[in-house]
Amino acid sequence: MTEVYLSTIKYPETQELIHKWGYVESGEIRCYISPNNNPGDGFYFYVVERISCIIDNEHPQDHWTPELCMVECIFHGSASFDGIRHLYMGDEATENYGYLYCPDIDTITKALSIIKNLESMLCRDKIKSQSPSPYNNKVENTGF
């Protein structure tokens, strides 16, 4: 596997840099999210696992600095008003499209759980007003 830095990864369909999107973080994984313009109409997502990071004097505590953080894609895809429409495993950008080598099932389960939670928050046909969120409905760096 080649070293792929978070700062270089673009969402395949839109070519947007994913590190500029909002995200939900759980341990060593982050799910980057770009909600559709109309609330309830779904979102794009890109889930990465942090493989390693370079710590420097400027960023001693930030293990997710895009230029210093090496990642691998776990899943990416999109959701519409009625839920997940496209779910891809890996990405050509991280040289694991359609294939995960020695996958950690706990990490995959956590990633899918995050995606499912976002689906229940951002897809109008899946929104459950009473369901508690294991991630406290916390999405960093977003306007929603």
N, C-alpha and C. Protein backbone atom coordinates (compact mmCIF):
# COMPACT_ATOMS: atom_id res chain seq x y z
N MET A 1 0.84 -1.19 0.00
CA MET A 1 0.00 0.00 0.00
C MET A 1 0.89 1.25 0.00
N THR A 2 0.55 2.19 -0.84
CA THR A 2 1.29 3.45 -0.86
C THR A 2 0.75 4.36 0.24
N GLU A 3 1.55 5.33 0.61
CA GLU A 3 1.13 6.29 1.62
C GLU A 3 0.15 7.28 1.00
N VAL A 4 -1.04 7.33 1.54
CA VAL A 4 -2.06 8.25 1.04
C VAL A 4 -2.42 9.18 2.19
N TYR A 5 -2.23 10.47 1.96
CA TYR A 5 -2.53 11.46 2.98
C TYR A 5 -3.96 11.96 2.83
N LEU A 6 -4.58 12.22 3.95
CA LEU A 6 -5.95 12.69 3.98
C LEU A 6 -6.14 13.93 3.11
N SER A 7 -5.14 14.78 3.06
CA SER A 7 -5.24 16.04 2.31
C SER A 7 -5.39 15.83 0.81
N THR A 8 -5.09 14.64 0.31
CA THR A 8 -5.13 14.40 -1.15
C THR A 8 -6.39 13.69 -1.62
N ILE A 9 -7.21 13.21 -0.72
CA ILE A 9 -8.35 12.39 -1.12
C ILE A 9 -9.53 13.25 -1.54
N LYS A 10 -10.04 12.93 -2.74
CA LYS A 10 -11.21 13.62 -3.28
C LYS A 10 -12.34 12.61 -3.41
N TYR A 11 -13.55 13.11 -3.18
CA TYR A 11 -14.71 12.24 -3.38
C TYR A 11 -14.81 11.93 -4.87
N PRO A 12 -14.89 10.66 -5.25
CA PRO A 12 -14.81 10.29 -6.67
C PRO A 12 -15.80 11.00 -7.60
N GLU A 13 -17.05 11.15 -7.20
CA GLU A 13 -18.05 11.71 -8.09
C GLU A 13 -17.99 13.23 -8.20
N THR A 14 -17.60 13.91 -7.12
CA THR A 14 -17.62 15.38 -7.13
C THR A 14 -16.24 16.01 -7.20
N GLN A 15 -15.22 15.22 -6.93
CA GLN A 15 -13.82 15.70 -6.90
C GLN A 15 -13.58 16.75 -5.80
N GLU A 16 -14.44 16.77 -4.78
CA GLU A 16 -14.24 17.66 -3.64
C GLU A 16 -13.26 17.01 -2.67
N LEU A 17 -12.43 17.82 -2.03
CA LEU A 17 -11.53 17.30 -1.00
C LEU A 17 -12.37 16.94 0.22
N ILE A 18 -12.29 15.70 0.64
CA ILE A 18 -13.17 15.25 1.73
C ILE A 18 -12.82 15.88 3.07
N HIS A 19 -11.54 16.22 3.29
CA HIS A 19 -11.17 16.77 4.61
C HIS A 19 -11.79 18.14 4.85
N LYS A 20 -12.41 18.73 3.85
CA LYS A 20 -13.09 20.02 4.02
C LYS A 20 -14.56 19.83 4.40
N TRP A 21 -15.02 18.58 4.40
CA TRP A 21 -16.40 18.27 4.78
C TRP A 21 -16.52 18.17 6.30
N GLY A 22 -17.75 18.11 6.78
CA GLY A 22 -17.99 17.80 8.18
C GLY A 22 -17.69 16.32 8.41
N TYR A 23 -17.62 15.92 9.67
CA TYR A 23 -17.29 14.52 9.95
C TYR A 23 -17.86 14.07 11.29
N VAL A 24 -17.94 12.75 11.41
CA VAL A 24 -18.23 12.09 12.68
C VAL A 24 -17.02 11.20 12.94
N GLU A 25 -16.50 11.27 14.14
CA GLU A 25 -15.28 10.54 14.48
C GLU A 25 -15.57 9.51 15.56
N SER A 26 -14.96 8.35 15.41
CA SER A 26 -15.06 7.31 16.43
C SER A 26 -13.73 6.56 16.45
N GLY A 27 -12.90 6.89 17.41
CA GLY A 27 -11.59 6.25 17.52
C GLY A 27 -10.71 6.55 16.33
N GLU A 28 -10.28 5.49 15.64
CA GLU A 28 -9.36 5.63 14.52
C GLU A 28 -10.07 5.84 13.19
N ILE A 29 -11.39 5.98 13.21
CA ILE A 29 -12.10 6.20 11.95
C ILE A 29 -12.86 7.52 11.96
N ARG A 30 -13.01 8.07 10.77
CA ARG A 30 -13.82 9.26 10.56
C ARG A 30 -14.71 9.04 9.36
N CYS A 31 -15.93 9.50 9.49
CA CYS A 31 -16.87 9.48 8.38
C CYS A 31 -17.07 10.93 7.97
N TYR A 32 -16.55 11.29 6.80
CA TYR A 32 -16.73 12.63 6.27
C TYR A 32 -18.07 12.69 5.55
N ILE A 33 -18.79 13.81 5.74
CA ILE A 33 -20.15 13.92 5.25
C ILE A 33 -20.35 15.23 4.51
N SER A 34 -21.03 15.14 3.38
CA SER A 34 -21.46 16.32 2.64
C SER A 34 -22.96 16.18 2.41
N PRO A 35 -23.77 16.85 3.24
CA PRO A 35 -25.22 16.75 3.08
C PRO A 35 -25.69 17.38 1.76
N ASN A 36 -26.76 16.82 1.19
CA ASN A 36 -27.36 17.43 0.01
C ASN A 36 -27.93 18.79 0.39
N ASN A 37 -28.14 19.64 -0.59
CA ASN A 37 -28.58 21.02 -0.34
C ASN A 37 -29.91 21.12 0.39
N ASN A 38 -30.85 20.24 0.07
CA ASN A 38 -32.16 20.28 0.72
C ASN A 38 -32.16 19.34 1.92
N PRO A 39 -32.51 19.84 3.11
CA PRO A 39 -32.54 18.98 4.30
C PRO A 39 -33.42 17.75 4.07
N GLY A 40 -32.91 16.60 4.48
CA GLY A 40 -33.65 15.36 4.35
C GLY A 40 -33.44 14.64 3.03
N ASP A 41 -32.70 15.27 2.12
CA ASP A 41 -32.48 14.68 0.79
C ASP A 41 -31.24 13.79 0.71
N GLY A 42 -30.60 13.51 1.83
CA GLY A 42 -29.47 12.60 1.83
C GLY A 42 -28.12 13.28 1.92
N PHE A 43 -27.08 12.52 1.55
CA PHE A 43 -25.71 12.99 1.75
C PHE A 43 -24.72 12.10 1.00
N TYR A 44 -23.52 12.63 0.81
CA TYR A 44 -22.38 11.84 0.36
C TYR A 44 -21.57 11.51 1.60
N PHE A 45 -20.90 10.37 1.60
CA PHE A 45 -20.05 10.02 2.75
C PHE A 45 -18.78 9.33 2.27
N TYR A 46 -17.76 9.44 3.11
CA TYR A 46 -16.46 8.83 2.83
C TYR A 46 -15.84 8.48 4.17
N VAL A 47 -15.72 7.19 4.46
CA VAL A 47 -15.21 6.72 5.75
C VAL A 47 -13.76 6.30 5.60
N VAL A 48 -12.90 6.88 6.45
CA VAL A 48 -11.48 6.52 6.42
C VAL A 48 -11.04 5.98 7.77
N GLU A 49 -10.01 5.16 7.72
CA GLU A 49 -9.34 4.70 8.93
C GLU A 49 -7.96 5.32 8.94
N ARG A 50 -7.58 5.88 10.09
CA ARG A 50 -6.24 6.46 10.21
C ARG A 50 -5.23 5.33 10.34
N ILE A 51 -4.28 5.29 9.42
CA ILE A 51 -3.25 4.27 9.42
C ILE A 51 -2.05 4.74 10.25
N SER A 52 -1.65 5.98 10.05
CA SER A 52 -0.57 6.57 10.84
C SER A 52 -0.62 8.07 10.69
N CYS A 53 0.15 8.76 11.52
CA CYS A 53 0.22 10.21 11.41
C CYS A 53 1.60 10.68 11.84
N ILE A 54 1.97 11.80 11.33
CA ILE A 54 3.24 12.42 11.68
C ILE A 54 2.93 13.50 12.70
N ILE A 55 3.58 13.45 13.82
CA ILE A 55 3.38 14.46 14.87
C ILE A 55 4.54 15.44 14.76
N ASP A 56 4.22 16.72 14.70
CA ASP A 56 5.26 17.74 14.66
C ASP A 56 5.00 18.78 15.74
N ASN A 57 5.91 19.73 15.87
CA ASN A 57 5.78 20.75 16.92
C ASN A 57 4.56 21.64 16.72
N GLU A 58 4.17 21.84 15.46
CA GLU A 58 3.03 22.69 15.16
C GLU A 58 1.70 22.05 15.52
N HIS A 59 1.62 20.71 15.42
CA HIS A 59 0.38 19.97 15.65
C HIS A 59 0.63 18.81 16.62
N PRO A 60 1.08 19.07 17.84
CA PRO A 60 1.48 17.96 18.73
C PRO A 60 0.33 17.05 19.17
N GLN A 61 -0.88 17.55 19.21
CA GLN A 61 -2.01 16.75 19.68
C GLN A 61 -3.00 16.37 18.59
N ASP A 62 -2.82 16.90 17.39
CA ASP A 62 -3.79 16.67 16.31
C ASP A 62 -3.34 15.49 15.45
N HIS A 63 -3.99 14.37 15.63
CA HIS A 63 -3.65 13.17 14.87
C HIS A 63 -4.42 13.09 13.55
N TRP A 64 -5.17 14.14 13.22
CA TRP A 64 -5.95 14.17 11.99
C TRP A 64 -5.58 15.35 11.10
N THR A 65 -4.41 15.95 11.28
CA THR A 65 -3.97 17.03 10.40
C THR A 65 -3.89 16.47 8.98
N PRO A 66 -4.68 16.99 8.04
CA PRO A 66 -4.78 16.38 6.70
C PRO A 66 -3.44 16.13 6.00
N GLU A 67 -2.50 17.05 6.14
CA GLU A 67 -1.21 16.91 5.46
C GLU A 67 -0.29 15.91 6.15
N LEU A 68 -0.62 15.51 7.38
CA LEU A 68 0.25 14.62 8.16
C LEU A 68 -0.38 13.27 8.47
N CYS A 69 -1.62 13.08 8.07
CA CYS A 69 -2.37 11.88 8.44
C CYS A 69 -2.51 10.95 7.24
N MET A 70 -2.04 9.71 7.40
CA MET A 70 -2.18 8.71 6.35
C MET A 70 -3.41 7.86 6.64
N VAL A 71 -4.23 7.64 5.63
CA VAL A 71 -5.51 6.97 5.80
C VAL A 71 -5.74 5.91 4.73
N GLU A 72 -6.74 5.09 5.01
CA GLU A 72 -7.23 4.13 4.03
C GLU A 72 -8.75 4.24 4.01
N CYS A 73 -9.33 4.18 2.83
CA CYS A 73 -10.79 4.24 2.71
C CYS A 73 -11.39 2.91 3.13
N ILE A 74 -12.44 2.97 3.94
CA ILE A 74 -13.19 1.77 4.30
C ILE A 74 -14.42 1.68 3.40
N PHE A 75 -15.23 2.74 3.38
CA PHE A 75 -16.42 2.81 2.54
C PHE A 75 -16.56 4.22 2.01
N HIS A 76 -17.23 4.35 0.89
CA HIS A 76 -17.73 5.64 0.43
C HIS A 76 -19.01 5.40 -0.34
N GLY A 77 -19.80 6.45 -0.48
CA GLY A 77 -21.05 6.28 -1.19
C GLY A 77 -21.96 7.47 -1.04
N SER A 78 -23.24 7.22 -1.29
CA SER A 78 -24.21 8.30 -1.21
C SER A 78 -25.56 7.77 -0.74
N ALA A 79 -26.31 8.71 -0.19
CA ALA A 79 -27.66 8.41 0.28
C ALA A 79 -28.60 9.43 -0.33
N SER A 80 -29.84 9.02 -0.49
CA SER A 80 -30.87 9.91 -1.01
C SER A 80 -31.94 10.06 0.07
N PHE A 81 -33.08 10.61 -0.28
CA PHE A 81 -34.14 10.85 0.70
C PHE A 81 -34.62 9.57 1.37
N ASP A 82 -34.47 8.42 0.68
CA ASP A 82 -34.99 7.17 1.23
C ASP A 82 -33.91 6.25 1.80
N GLY A 83 -32.68 6.74 1.90
CA GLY A 83 -31.61 5.96 2.51
C GLY A 83 -30.40 5.76 1.61
N ILE A 84 -29.53 4.88 2.03
CA ILE A 84 -28.29 4.61 1.30
C ILE A 84 -28.63 4.07 -0.09
N ARG A 85 -28.04 4.67 -1.10
CA ARG A 85 -28.25 4.23 -2.48
C ARG A 85 -27.02 3.49 -3.01
N HIS A 86 -25.83 4.03 -2.70
CA HIS A 86 -24.59 3.46 -3.21
C HIS A 86 -23.61 3.29 -2.06
N LEU A 87 -23.07 2.09 -1.92
CA LEU A 87 -22.09 1.79 -0.88
C LEU A 87 -20.93 1.05 -1.54
N TYR A 88 -19.78 1.71 -1.58
CA TYR A 88 -18.59 1.13 -2.19
C TYR A 88 -17.57 0.81 -1.10
N MET A 89 -16.91 -0.31 -1.24
CA MET A 89 -15.87 -0.70 -0.31
C MET A 89 -14.53 -0.22 -0.86
N GLY A 90 -13.77 0.50 -0.05
CA GLY A 90 -12.47 0.99 -0.48
C GLY A 90 -12.59 2.06 -1.55
N ASP A 91 -11.44 2.40 -2.14
CA ASP A 91 -11.39 3.43 -3.17
C ASP A 91 -10.10 3.25 -3.96
N GLU A 92 -10.14 3.61 -5.23
CA GLU A 92 -8.92 3.54 -6.04
C GLU A 92 -7.85 4.47 -5.47
N ALA A 93 -8.26 5.59 -4.87
CA ALA A 93 -7.30 6.55 -4.31
C ALA A 93 -6.44 5.91 -3.23
N THR A 94 -6.98 4.96 -2.47
CA THR A 94 -6.20 4.29 -1.43
C THR A 94 -5.84 2.86 -1.83
N GLU A 95 -5.98 2.59 -3.10
CA GLU A 95 -5.57 1.31 -3.70
C GLU A 95 -6.22 0.08 -3.06
N ASN A 96 -7.47 0.21 -2.65
CA ASN A 96 -8.18 -0.94 -2.09
C ASN A 96 -9.63 -1.00 -2.56
N TYR A 97 -9.90 -0.50 -3.76
CA TYR A 97 -11.26 -0.46 -4.28
C TYR A 97 -11.85 -1.87 -4.38
N GLY A 98 -12.97 -2.06 -3.70
CA GLY A 98 -13.65 -3.35 -3.75
C GLY A 98 -13.01 -4.44 -2.94
N TYR A 99 -12.00 -4.11 -2.15
CA TYR A 99 -11.25 -5.15 -1.44
C TYR A 99 -10.60 -4.55 -0.20
N LEU A 100 -10.75 -5.21 0.92
CA LEU A 100 -10.05 -4.80 2.14
C LEU A 100 -9.14 -5.93 2.57
N TYR A 101 -7.86 -5.64 2.75
CA TYR A 101 -6.88 -6.64 3.14
C TYR A 101 -6.84 -6.72 4.67
N CYS A 102 -7.00 -7.90 5.21
CA CYS A 102 -7.01 -8.12 6.66
C CYS A 102 -7.96 -7.14 7.37
N PRO A 103 -9.22 -7.13 7.00
CA PRO A 103 -10.13 -6.15 7.61
C PRO A 103 -10.40 -6.46 9.08
N ASP A 104 -10.54 -5.42 9.84
CA ASP A 104 -10.94 -5.54 11.24
C ASP A 104 -12.46 -5.42 11.27
N ILE A 105 -13.13 -6.49 11.60
CA ILE A 105 -14.60 -6.52 11.56
C ILE A 105 -15.20 -5.49 12.52
N ASP A 106 -14.55 -5.24 13.65
CA ASP A 106 -15.06 -4.23 14.58
C ASP A 106 -15.05 -2.84 13.93
N THR A 107 -13.99 -2.54 13.16
CA THR A 107 -13.90 -1.25 12.47
C THR A 107 -14.98 -1.14 11.41
N ILE A 108 -15.19 -2.21 10.65
CA ILE A 108 -16.23 -2.21 9.61
C ILE A 108 -17.61 -2.03 10.24
N THR A 109 -17.86 -2.73 11.33
CA THR A 109 -19.14 -2.62 12.04
C THR A 109 -19.35 -1.20 12.55
N LYS A 110 -18.31 -0.60 13.11
CA LYS A 110 -18.40 0.77 13.62
C LYS A 110 -18.69 1.75 12.47
N ALA A 111 -18.01 1.55 11.33
CA ALA A 111 -18.23 2.42 10.17
C ALA A 111 -19.67 2.31 9.67
N LEU A 112 -20.17 1.10 9.55
CA LEU A 112 -21.55 0.91 9.09
C LEU A 112 -22.56 1.48 10.08
N SER A 113 -22.26 1.39 11.37
CA SER A 113 -23.13 1.96 12.39
C SER A 113 -23.20 3.48 12.26
N ILE A 114 -22.06 4.11 12.00
CA ILE A 114 -22.04 5.56 11.80
C ILE A 114 -22.88 5.94 10.59
N ILE A 115 -22.70 5.20 9.48
CA ILE A 115 -23.45 5.49 8.26
C ILE A 115 -24.95 5.32 8.51
N LYS A 116 -25.32 4.26 9.22
CA LYS A 116 -26.74 4.03 9.52
C LYS A 116 -27.30 5.16 10.38
N ASN A 117 -26.54 5.63 11.36
CA ASN A 117 -26.98 6.73 12.21
C ASN A 117 -27.17 8.00 11.38
N LEU A 118 -26.24 8.28 10.49
CA LEU A 118 -26.36 9.47 9.63
C LEU A 118 -27.57 9.35 8.72
N GLU A 119 -27.83 8.16 8.24
CA GLU A 119 -29.00 7.91 7.40
C GLU A 119 -30.28 8.29 8.16
N SER A 120 -30.34 7.93 9.43
CA SER A 120 -31.54 8.22 10.23
C SER A 120 -31.65 9.70 10.58
N MET A 121 -30.57 10.46 10.38
CA MET A 121 -30.59 11.90 10.65
C MET A 121 -30.79 12.74 9.39
N LEU A 122 -30.32 12.24 8.24
CA LEU A 122 -30.24 13.07 7.03
C LEU A 122 -31.10 12.60 5.85
N CYS A 123 -31.79 11.48 6.01
CA CYS A 123 -32.65 10.97 4.93
C CYS A 123 -34.09 10.98 5.44
N ARG A 124 -34.94 11.81 4.85
CA ARG A 124 -36.28 12.06 5.42
C ARG A 124 -37.11 10.81 5.59
N ASP A 125 -36.97 9.80 4.73
CA ASP A 125 -37.76 8.59 4.90
C ASP A 125 -37.22 7.68 6.01
N LYS A 126 -36.03 7.99 6.52
CA LYS A 126 -35.42 7.18 7.57
C LYS A 126 -35.35 7.91 8.91
N ILE A 127 -35.72 9.18 8.92
CA ILE A 127 -35.60 9.97 10.14
C ILE A 127 -36.50 9.41 11.23
N LYS A 128 -35.90 9.18 12.39
CA LYS A 128 -36.62 8.67 13.55
C LYS A 128 -36.45 9.70 14.65
N SER A 129 -37.48 10.44 14.92
CA SER A 129 -37.36 11.55 15.86
C SER A 129 -37.07 11.10 17.28
N GLN A 130 -37.40 9.88 17.64
CA GLN A 130 -37.21 9.42 19.01
C GLN A 130 -35.95 8.59 19.23
N SER A 131 -35.20 8.23 18.17
CA SER A 131 -34.08 7.30 18.34
C SER A 131 -32.86 7.99 18.94
N PRO A 132 -32.31 7.42 20.01
CA PRO A 132 -31.09 7.98 20.60
C PRO A 132 -29.90 7.68 19.71
N SER A 133 -28.96 8.60 19.67
CA SER A 133 -27.78 8.44 18.83
C SER A 133 -26.58 8.00 19.65
N PRO A 134 -25.87 6.95 19.22
CA PRO A 134 -24.66 6.56 19.94
C PRO A 134 -23.54 7.58 19.73
N TYR A 135 -23.71 8.49 18.80
CA TYR A 135 -22.70 9.51 18.53
C TYR A 135 -23.18 10.89 18.93
N ASN A 136 -24.24 10.94 19.74
CA ASN A 136 -24.78 12.19 20.26
C ASN A 136 -25.13 13.17 19.16
N ASN A 137 -25.50 12.65 17.96
CA ASN A 137 -25.82 13.49 16.83
C ASN A 137 -24.76 14.56 16.58
N LYS A 138 -23.53 14.25 16.90
CA LYS A 138 -22.44 15.20 16.78
C LYS A 138 -21.76 15.06 15.42
N VAL A 139 -21.89 16.09 14.63
CA VAL A 139 -21.19 16.14 13.37
C VAL A 139 -20.33 17.39 13.40
N GLU A 140 -19.04 17.22 13.34
CA GLU A 140 -18.10 18.33 13.44
C GLU A 140 -18.04 19.12 12.13
N ASN A 141 -17.80 20.41 12.24
CA ASN A 141 -17.53 21.27 11.10
C ASN A 141 -18.66 21.31 10.07
N THR A 142 -19.89 21.17 10.49
CA THR A 142 -20.99 21.26 9.55
C THR A 142 -22.01 22.27 10.05
N GLY A 143 -22.88 22.66 9.18
CA GLY A 143 -23.89 23.62 9.54
C GLY A 143 -25.20 23.01 9.98
N PHE A 144 -25.25 21.70 10.17
CA PHE A 144 -26.52 21.09 10.58
C PHE A 144 -26.40 20.44 11.93
